[in-house]
């Protein structure tokens, strides 16, 4: 997936933060793990090499 604009990066950063918050609030370990998995996914997408 290509991140083509600053808006896209801001979107991923906002989603990562929101999923961190939801994971912290969750009392269900399965739901918490799902939110943390989304955080890991967004981190990987943001770290992917971008074309010049």
N, C-alpha and C. Protein backbone atom coordinates (compact mmCIF):
# COMPACT_ATOMS: atom_id res chain seq x y z
N UNK A 1 0.84 -1.18 0.00
CA UNK A 1 0.00 0.00 0.00
C UNK A 1 0.88 1.23 0.00
N UNK A 2 0.52 2.21 -0.80
CA UNK A 2 1.30 3.43 -0.88
C UNK A 2 0.61 4.55 -0.11
N UNK A 3 1.39 5.25 0.70
CA UNK A 3 0.88 6.43 1.40
C UNK A 3 1.31 7.61 0.55
N UNK A 4 0.33 8.31 -0.04
CA UNK A 4 0.65 9.33 -1.02
C UNK A 4 0.54 10.75 -0.51
N UNK A 5 -0.01 10.98 0.66
CA UNK A 5 -0.17 12.35 1.14
C UNK A 5 -0.01 12.39 2.66
N UNK A 6 0.28 13.58 3.16
CA UNK A 6 0.41 13.75 4.61
C UNK A 6 -0.89 13.38 5.30
N UNK A 7 -2.02 13.64 4.64
CA UNK A 7 -3.32 13.28 5.21
C UNK A 7 -3.37 11.78 5.51
N UNK A 8 -2.86 10.97 4.59
CA UNK A 8 -2.88 9.53 4.79
C UNK A 8 -2.07 9.13 6.02
N UNK A 9 -0.90 9.72 6.17
CA UNK A 9 -0.05 9.41 7.33
C UNK A 9 -0.75 9.85 8.62
N UNK A 10 -1.36 11.03 8.59
CA UNK A 10 -2.09 11.52 9.76
C UNK A 10 -3.24 10.58 10.11
N UNK A 11 -3.90 10.06 9.09
CA UNK A 11 -4.99 9.11 9.31
C UNK A 11 -4.48 7.88 10.05
N UNK A 12 -3.37 7.31 9.56
CA UNK A 12 -2.82 6.12 10.20
C UNK A 12 -2.37 6.41 11.62
N UNK A 13 -1.76 7.58 11.85
CA UNK A 13 -1.33 7.94 13.19
C UNK A 13 -2.52 8.07 14.13
N UNK A 14 -3.60 8.67 13.64
CA UNK A 14 -4.81 8.81 14.46
C UNK A 14 -5.42 7.45 14.77
N UNK A 15 -5.46 6.57 13.79
CA UNK A 15 -6.03 5.24 14.01
C UNK A 15 -5.17 4.44 14.99
N UNK A 16 -3.85 4.57 14.89
CA UNK A 16 -2.97 3.88 15.83
C UNK A 16 -3.26 4.34 17.26
N UNK A 17 -3.34 5.65 17.44
CA UNK A 17 -3.59 6.19 18.78
C UNK A 17 -4.95 5.73 19.30
N UNK A 18 -5.95 5.77 18.46
CA UNK A 18 -7.30 5.35 18.87
C UNK A 18 -7.31 3.88 19.28
N UNK A 19 -6.63 3.04 18.52
CA UNK A 19 -6.60 1.61 18.86
C UNK A 19 -5.79 1.36 20.13
N UNK A 20 -4.77 2.16 20.38
CA UNK A 20 -4.05 2.05 21.66
C UNK A 20 -4.97 2.38 22.82
N UNK A 21 -5.76 3.44 22.66
CA UNK A 21 -6.71 3.83 23.71
C UNK A 21 -7.74 2.74 23.93
N UNK A 22 -8.29 2.22 22.85
CA UNK A 22 -9.30 1.17 22.99
C UNK A 22 -8.72 -0.09 23.63
N UNK A 23 -7.49 -0.42 23.30
CA UNK A 23 -6.85 -1.59 23.92
C UNK A 23 -6.70 -1.37 25.42
N UNK A 24 -6.29 -0.16 25.80
CA UNK A 24 -6.11 0.14 27.22
C UNK A 24 -7.43 0.09 27.98
N UNK A 25 -8.52 0.43 27.32
CA UNK A 25 -9.84 0.46 27.97
C UNK A 25 -10.51 -0.91 28.01
N UNK A 26 -10.09 -1.81 27.17
CA UNK A 26 -10.78 -3.10 27.04
C UNK A 26 -10.49 -4.02 28.22
N UNK A 27 -11.54 -4.61 28.74
CA UNK A 27 -11.37 -5.60 29.81
C UNK A 27 -11.30 -7.02 29.25
N UNK A 28 -11.61 -7.17 27.96
CA UNK A 28 -11.59 -8.47 27.30
C UNK A 28 -10.24 -8.64 26.61
N UNK A 29 -9.44 -9.63 27.02
CA UNK A 29 -8.11 -9.79 26.44
C UNK A 29 -8.12 -10.04 24.93
N UNK A 30 -9.16 -10.69 24.43
CA UNK A 30 -9.24 -10.95 22.99
C UNK A 30 -9.43 -9.65 22.23
N UNK A 31 -10.31 -8.80 22.71
CA UNK A 31 -10.57 -7.51 22.07
C UNK A 31 -9.31 -6.64 22.18
N UNK A 32 -8.67 -6.66 23.33
CA UNK A 32 -7.43 -5.88 23.53
C UNK A 32 -6.38 -6.32 22.52
N UNK A 33 -6.22 -7.62 22.33
CA UNK A 33 -5.24 -8.13 21.36
C UNK A 33 -5.58 -7.70 19.94
N UNK A 34 -6.86 -7.67 19.60
CA UNK A 34 -7.25 -7.22 18.26
C UNK A 34 -6.88 -5.75 18.04
N UNK A 35 -7.12 -4.92 19.02
CA UNK A 35 -6.75 -3.51 18.89
C UNK A 35 -5.24 -3.36 18.76
N UNK A 36 -4.50 -4.12 19.53
CA UNK A 36 -3.03 -4.04 19.44
C UNK A 36 -2.52 -4.57 18.10
N UNK A 37 -3.23 -5.53 17.53
CA UNK A 37 -2.86 -6.03 16.21
C UNK A 37 -3.06 -4.94 15.15
N UNK A 38 -4.13 -4.17 15.27
CA UNK A 38 -4.32 -3.04 14.36
C UNK A 38 -3.20 -2.02 14.51
N UNK A 39 -2.77 -1.77 15.75
CA UNK A 39 -1.64 -0.86 15.97
C UNK A 39 -0.41 -1.36 15.23
N UNK A 40 -0.12 -2.65 15.34
CA UNK A 40 1.04 -3.22 14.65
C UNK A 40 0.90 -3.10 13.14
N UNK A 41 -0.31 -3.32 12.63
CA UNK A 41 -0.55 -3.21 11.20
C UNK A 41 -0.29 -1.78 10.71
N UNK A 42 -0.84 -0.80 11.41
CA UNK A 42 -0.63 0.60 11.01
C UNK A 42 0.84 0.97 11.08
N UNK A 43 1.55 0.47 12.09
CA UNK A 43 2.99 0.75 12.18
C UNK A 43 3.73 0.18 10.97
N UNK A 44 3.39 -1.03 10.57
CA UNK A 44 4.03 -1.64 9.41
C UNK A 44 3.73 -0.87 8.14
N UNK A 45 2.49 -0.43 7.98
CA UNK A 45 2.13 0.33 6.79
C UNK A 45 2.90 1.65 6.71
N UNK A 46 3.08 2.28 7.86
CA UNK A 46 3.79 3.55 7.87
C UNK A 46 5.29 3.39 7.66
N UNK A 47 5.82 2.22 8.01
CA UNK A 47 7.26 1.98 7.84
C UNK A 47 7.60 1.46 6.44
N UNK A 48 6.61 1.08 5.68
CA UNK A 48 6.86 0.52 4.34
C UNK A 48 7.58 1.56 3.48
N UNK A 49 8.56 1.12 2.69
CA UNK A 49 9.29 2.07 1.84
C UNK A 49 8.35 2.74 0.85
N UNK A 50 8.56 4.03 0.66
CA UNK A 50 7.75 4.81 -0.24
C UNK A 50 8.53 5.11 -1.53
N UNK A 51 7.86 5.09 -2.67
CA UNK A 51 8.56 5.42 -3.92
C UNK A 51 9.00 6.88 -3.91
N UNK A 52 10.13 7.13 -4.57
CA UNK A 52 10.68 8.50 -4.60
C UNK A 52 9.89 9.40 -5.51
